[in-house]
Amino acid sequence: MGRHPCFRIAAVMRLLLAAALAFFAAPAAAFADATLTMREVPLHGERTLAASAA
């Protein structure tokens, strides 16, 4: 004889709750320390002072 079916339902509900919490917590953690950096990059082989000194 196995356990009563209510034990299985409770375990599945706990698993679904944990999955939902992880799903909603992951985007917050991913964007918590997001930064945007913009740099000017010379195109078509143009030289800069740092490149010509090397």
Protein backbone atom coordinates (compact mmCIF):
# COMPACT_ATOMS: atom_id res chain seq x y z
CA MET A 1 0.00 0.00 0.00
CA GLY A 2 1.26 3.44 -0.90
CA ARG A 3 0.63 6.81 0.60
CA HIS A 4 -2.64 8.62 0.33
CA PRO A 5 -3.01 10.66 -2.92
CA CYS A 6 -3.17 13.90 -0.93
CA PHE A 7 0.54 13.55 -0.13
CA ARG A 8 1.36 13.48 -3.85
CA ILE A 9 -0.86 16.51 -4.53
CA ALA A 10 0.82 18.45 -1.72
CA ALA A 11 4.26 17.59 -3.07
CA VAL A 12 3.30 18.71 -6.58
CA MET A 13 1.85 21.97 -5.24
CA ARG A 14 5.05 22.63 -3.27
CA LEU A 15 7.10 22.01 -6.41
CA LEU A 16 4.91 24.34 -8.47
CA LEU A 17 5.17 27.05 -5.82
CA ALA A 18 8.96 26.77 -5.75
CA ALA A 19 9.07 26.93 -9.57
CA ALA A 20 6.83 30.01 -9.63
CA LEU A 21 8.97 31.77 -7.01
CA ALA A 22 12.15 30.99 -8.95
CA PHE A 23 10.54 32.17 -12.21
CA PHE A 24 9.56 35.54 -10.76
CA ALA A 25 12.79 36.01 -8.77
CA ALA A 26 15.15 35.27 -11.69
CA PRO A 27 14.40 38.41 -13.77
CA ALA A 28 14.87 40.62 -10.72
CA ALA A 29 18.28 39.08 -10.08
CA ALA A 30 19.24 39.30 -13.74
CA PHE A 31 18.49 43.03 -14.04
CA ALA A 32 19.62 44.06 -10.56
CA ASP A 33 23.11 45.17 -11.63
CA ALA A 34 22.58 45.92 -15.31
CA THR A 35 24.56 48.79 -16.80
CA LEU A 36 24.82 50.22 -20.28
CA THR A 37 28.16 51.39 -21.62
CA MET A 38 28.63 53.33 -24.86
CA ARG A 39 31.99 53.83 -26.56
CA GLU A 40 32.99 55.53 -29.76
CA VAL A 41 34.86 53.13 -32.00
CA PRO A 42 36.79 54.34 -35.04
CA LEU A 43 35.58 52.80 -38.27
CA HIS A 44 37.27 52.21 -41.64
CA GLY A 45 40.79 51.97 -40.22
CA GLU A 46 40.96 55.47 -38.76
CA ARG A 47 43.83 55.82 -36.31
CA THR A 48 43.64 57.31 -32.85
CA LEU A 49 46.49 58.72 -30.77
CA ALA A 50 46.71 55.58 -28.66
CA ALA A 51 46.92 53.39 -31.74
CA SER A 52 49.59 55.49 -33.44
CA ALA A 53 51.80 55.62 -30.31
CA ALA A 54 52.00 51.82 -30.09
